[in-house]
């Protein structure tokens, strides 16, 4: 599979007038497990805080523009100690 930029991604989750529901958070978390990157759009009337959404789903914000946010699954940091060369 070729790498795509976040701008080329199609939104896979839409948040409606009810805002960020528990069901939406579960769906985003599920898609993050499967895809690693999820693009989310929401209505003008929806109140969405991208940082809070990322915190609820255990992800990080990659890009946020207007009513669109791209979330990525958090990478696990290696526990190796840095080597001096």
N, C-alpha and C. Protein backbone atom coordinates (compact mmCIF):
# COMPACT_ATOMS: atom_id res chain seq x y z
N UNK A 1 0.83 -1.17 0.00
CA UNK A 1 0.00 0.00 0.00
C UNK A 1 0.89 1.25 0.00
N UNK A 2 0.58 2.19 -0.85
CA UNK A 2 1.39 3.40 -0.95
C UNK A 2 1.01 4.39 0.14
N UNK A 3 1.98 5.21 0.50
CA UNK A 3 1.73 6.22 1.53
C UNK A 3 0.93 7.36 0.91
N UNK A 4 -0.02 7.87 1.69
CA UNK A 4 -0.84 8.98 1.24
C UNK A 4 -0.70 10.13 2.22
N UNK A 5 -0.86 11.34 1.73
CA UNK A 5 -0.83 12.48 2.62
C UNK A 5 -2.17 12.61 3.33
N UNK A 6 -2.20 13.32 4.43
CA UNK A 6 -3.44 13.47 5.18
C UNK A 6 -4.50 14.22 4.38
N UNK A 7 -4.08 15.03 3.43
CA UNK A 7 -5.03 15.77 2.62
C UNK A 7 -5.77 14.86 1.64
N UNK A 8 -5.15 13.78 1.25
CA UNK A 8 -5.77 12.85 0.30
C UNK A 8 -6.73 11.89 0.97
N UNK A 9 -6.68 11.78 2.29
CA UNK A 9 -7.57 10.87 3.00
C UNK A 9 -9.01 11.34 2.89
N UNK A 10 -9.93 10.40 2.84
CA UNK A 10 -11.35 10.71 2.88
C UNK A 10 -11.81 10.60 4.32
N UNK A 11 -12.72 11.47 4.77
CA UNK A 11 -13.23 11.34 6.13
C UNK A 11 -13.96 10.00 6.30
N UNK A 12 -13.65 9.30 7.38
CA UNK A 12 -14.29 8.02 7.64
C UNK A 12 -15.24 8.09 8.82
N UNK A 13 -15.20 9.21 9.57
CA UNK A 13 -16.12 9.41 10.68
C UNK A 13 -16.70 10.81 10.55
N UNK A 14 -18.03 10.90 10.64
CA UNK A 14 -18.72 12.17 10.61
C UNK A 14 -19.42 12.35 11.94
N UNK A 15 -19.25 13.52 12.56
CA UNK A 15 -19.90 13.81 13.83
C UNK A 15 -21.03 14.78 13.56
N UNK A 16 -22.22 14.38 14.01
CA UNK A 16 -23.42 15.16 13.74
C UNK A 16 -23.78 16.11 14.85
N UNK A 17 -25.05 16.53 14.84
CA UNK A 17 -25.51 17.56 15.77
C UNK A 17 -25.48 17.12 17.23
N UNK A 18 -25.44 15.81 17.50
CA UNK A 18 -25.37 15.33 18.88
C UNK A 18 -23.96 15.48 19.45
N UNK A 19 -23.00 15.79 18.62
CA UNK A 19 -21.63 16.00 19.07
C UNK A 19 -20.88 14.69 19.25
N UNK A 20 -19.88 14.71 20.08
CA UNK A 20 -19.02 13.55 20.30
C UNK A 20 -19.69 12.63 21.32
N UNK A 21 -20.31 11.58 20.82
CA UNK A 21 -20.98 10.60 21.68
C UNK A 21 -20.02 9.48 22.03
N UNK A 22 -20.41 8.66 23.01
CA UNK A 22 -19.59 7.49 23.37
C UNK A 22 -19.45 6.55 22.17
N UNK A 23 -20.51 6.43 21.38
CA UNK A 23 -20.46 5.56 20.20
C UNK A 23 -19.44 6.08 19.18
N UNK A 24 -19.40 7.40 19.01
CA UNK A 24 -18.43 7.99 18.07
C UNK A 24 -17.00 7.74 18.56
N UNK A 25 -16.78 7.88 19.85
CA UNK A 25 -15.44 7.65 20.42
C UNK A 25 -15.04 6.19 20.22
N UNK A 26 -15.97 5.26 20.44
CA UNK A 26 -15.67 3.84 20.24
C UNK A 26 -15.34 3.55 18.78
N UNK A 27 -16.09 4.15 17.86
CA UNK A 27 -15.84 3.94 16.44
C UNK A 27 -14.48 4.49 16.03
N UNK A 28 -14.14 5.66 16.52
CA UNK A 28 -12.84 6.26 16.21
C UNK A 28 -11.72 5.38 16.74
N UNK A 29 -11.86 4.92 17.99
CA UNK A 29 -10.83 4.05 18.58
C UNK A 29 -10.68 2.76 17.78
N UNK A 30 -11.80 2.19 17.34
CA UNK A 30 -11.76 0.97 16.53
C UNK A 30 -11.04 1.22 15.21
N UNK A 31 -11.37 2.33 14.55
CA UNK A 31 -10.73 2.63 13.27
C UNK A 31 -9.25 2.93 13.45
N UNK A 32 -8.88 3.54 14.56
CA UNK A 32 -7.46 3.79 14.81
C UNK A 32 -6.68 2.49 14.94
N UNK A 33 -7.30 1.47 15.56
CA UNK A 33 -6.65 0.17 15.67
C UNK A 33 -6.44 -0.45 14.30
N UNK A 34 -7.43 -0.31 13.44
CA UNK A 34 -7.38 -0.91 12.10
C UNK A 34 -6.52 -0.13 11.13
N UNK A 35 -6.69 1.19 11.09
CA UNK A 35 -6.08 2.02 10.05
C UNK A 35 -4.86 2.82 10.50
N UNK A 36 -4.76 3.07 11.80
CA UNK A 36 -3.70 3.89 12.40
C UNK A 36 -3.89 5.39 12.20
N UNK A 37 -4.64 5.79 11.17
CA UNK A 37 -4.93 7.21 10.91
C UNK A 37 -6.40 7.34 10.54
N UNK A 38 -7.09 8.31 11.15
CA UNK A 38 -8.52 8.51 10.89
C UNK A 38 -8.78 10.00 10.65
N UNK A 39 -9.56 10.28 9.62
CA UNK A 39 -9.95 11.65 9.32
C UNK A 39 -11.40 11.82 9.74
N UNK A 40 -11.67 12.90 10.51
CA UNK A 40 -12.98 13.12 11.09
C UNK A 40 -13.48 14.51 10.70
N UNK A 41 -14.76 14.59 10.30
CA UNK A 41 -15.39 15.88 10.00
C UNK A 41 -16.60 16.03 10.89
N UNK A 42 -17.02 17.27 11.12
CA UNK A 42 -18.21 17.50 11.92
C UNK A 42 -19.01 18.68 11.38
N UNK A 43 -20.29 18.72 11.77
CA UNK A 43 -21.20 19.77 11.36
C UNK A 43 -20.86 21.09 12.05
N UNK A 44 -21.32 22.19 11.45
CA UNK A 44 -21.13 23.50 12.06
C UNK A 44 -21.74 23.55 13.45
N UNK A 45 -22.88 22.89 13.62
CA UNK A 45 -23.60 22.95 14.89
C UNK A 45 -23.01 22.04 15.97
N UNK A 46 -22.09 21.16 15.61
CA UNK A 46 -21.48 20.25 16.58
C UNK A 46 -20.36 20.95 17.32
N UNK A 47 -20.27 20.70 18.61
CA UNK A 47 -19.21 21.27 19.43
C UNK A 47 -18.14 20.20 19.62
N UNK A 48 -17.01 20.34 18.91
CA UNK A 48 -15.95 19.33 18.95
C UNK A 48 -14.63 20.00 19.32
N UNK A 49 -13.97 19.45 20.32
CA UNK A 49 -12.64 19.89 20.71
C UNK A 49 -11.66 18.81 20.26
N UNK A 50 -10.88 19.06 19.21
CA UNK A 50 -9.98 18.03 18.68
C UNK A 50 -9.01 17.45 19.71
N UNK A 51 -8.45 18.29 20.58
CA UNK A 51 -7.50 17.81 21.59
C UNK A 51 -8.19 16.89 22.60
N UNK A 52 -9.41 17.25 23.01
CA UNK A 52 -10.16 16.41 23.95
C UNK A 52 -10.54 15.09 23.28
N UNK A 53 -10.89 15.14 22.00
CA UNK A 53 -11.23 13.92 21.27
C UNK A 53 -10.02 13.01 21.18
N UNK A 54 -8.86 13.57 20.92
CA UNK A 54 -7.63 12.78 20.86
C UNK A 54 -7.34 12.14 22.21
N UNK A 55 -7.55 12.89 23.28
CA UNK A 55 -7.31 12.34 24.62
C UNK A 55 -8.26 11.20 24.93
N UNK A 56 -9.53 11.33 24.52
CA UNK A 56 -10.52 10.29 24.79
C UNK A 56 -10.25 9.02 24.00
N UNK A 57 -9.64 9.16 22.83
CA UNK A 57 -9.40 7.99 21.97
C UNK A 57 -7.98 7.46 22.09
N UNK A 58 -7.16 8.09 22.90
CA UNK A 58 -5.78 7.63 23.06
C UNK A 58 -4.95 7.83 21.82
N UNK A 59 -5.19 8.94 21.13
CA UNK A 59 -4.47 9.22 19.88
C UNK A 59 -3.84 10.60 19.97
N UNK A 60 -3.27 11.04 18.86
CA UNK A 60 -2.70 12.39 18.80
C UNK A 60 -3.18 13.09 17.55
N UNK A 61 -3.30 14.40 17.63
CA UNK A 61 -3.75 15.22 16.50
C UNK A 61 -2.59 15.38 15.53
N UNK A 62 -2.84 15.01 14.28
CA UNK A 62 -1.85 15.17 13.22
C UNK A 62 -2.08 16.47 12.49
N UNK A 63 -3.35 16.78 12.19
CA UNK A 63 -3.70 17.99 11.45
C UNK A 63 -5.10 18.39 11.83
N UNK A 64 -5.35 19.68 11.94
CA UNK A 64 -6.68 20.19 12.26
C UNK A 64 -6.90 21.46 11.45
N UNK A 65 -7.92 21.42 10.59
CA UNK A 65 -8.24 22.57 9.75
C UNK A 65 -9.75 22.70 9.67
N UNK A 66 -10.25 23.84 10.09
CA UNK A 66 -11.68 24.08 10.04
C UNK A 66 -12.45 23.06 10.86
N UNK A 67 -13.35 22.34 10.21
CA UNK A 67 -14.15 21.31 10.87
C UNK A 67 -13.66 19.91 10.56
N UNK A 68 -12.36 19.79 10.33
CA UNK A 68 -11.76 18.50 10.00
C UNK A 68 -10.52 18.29 10.86
N UNK A 69 -10.39 17.08 11.39
CA UNK A 69 -9.21 16.73 12.17
C UNK A 69 -8.72 15.36 11.73
N UNK A 70 -7.41 15.18 11.72
CA UNK A 70 -6.81 13.89 11.44
C UNK A 70 -6.13 13.42 12.72
N UNK A 71 -6.53 12.23 13.18
CA UNK A 71 -5.95 11.63 14.37
C UNK A 71 -5.11 10.42 13.98
N UNK A 72 -4.03 10.20 14.70
CA UNK A 72 -3.17 9.04 14.47
C UNK A 72 -2.99 8.30 15.78
N UNK A 73 -2.90 6.99 15.68
CA UNK A 73 -2.65 6.16 16.86
C UNK A 73 -1.30 6.56 17.43
N UNK A 74 -1.21 6.61 18.74
CA UNK A 74 0.05 6.96 19.38
C UNK A 74 1.05 5.84 19.18
N UNK A 75 2.28 6.25 18.88
CA UNK A 75 3.36 5.28 18.75
C UNK A 75 3.89 4.96 20.13
N UNK A 76 4.19 3.72 20.34
CA UNK A 76 4.79 3.35 21.60
C UNK A 76 6.27 3.69 21.54
N UNK A 77 6.72 4.37 22.54
CA UNK A 77 8.12 4.78 22.60
C UNK A 77 8.96 3.58 23.01
N UNK A 78 10.09 3.44 22.37
CA UNK A 78 10.98 2.34 22.76
C UNK A 78 11.63 2.70 24.09
N UNK A 79 11.91 1.71 24.87
CA UNK A 79 12.51 1.93 26.18
C UNK A 79 14.02 1.79 26.15
N UNK A 80 14.57 1.78 24.96
CA UNK A 80 16.02 1.70 24.83
C UNK A 80 16.65 3.00 25.28
N UNK A 81 17.79 2.87 25.86
CA UNK A 81 18.52 4.07 26.25
C UNK A 81 19.32 4.56 25.05
N UNK A 82 19.45 5.87 24.90
CA UNK A 82 20.21 6.38 23.76
C UNK A 82 21.68 5.99 23.86
N UNK A 83 22.25 5.73 22.72
CA UNK A 83 23.66 5.34 22.67
C UNK A 83 24.51 6.54 22.32
N UNK A 84 25.63 6.64 22.95
CA UNK A 84 26.59 7.69 22.59
C UNK A 84 27.54 7.13 21.55
N UNK A 85 27.75 7.89 20.54
CA UNK A 85 28.63 7.43 19.46
C UNK A 85 29.88 8.25 19.46
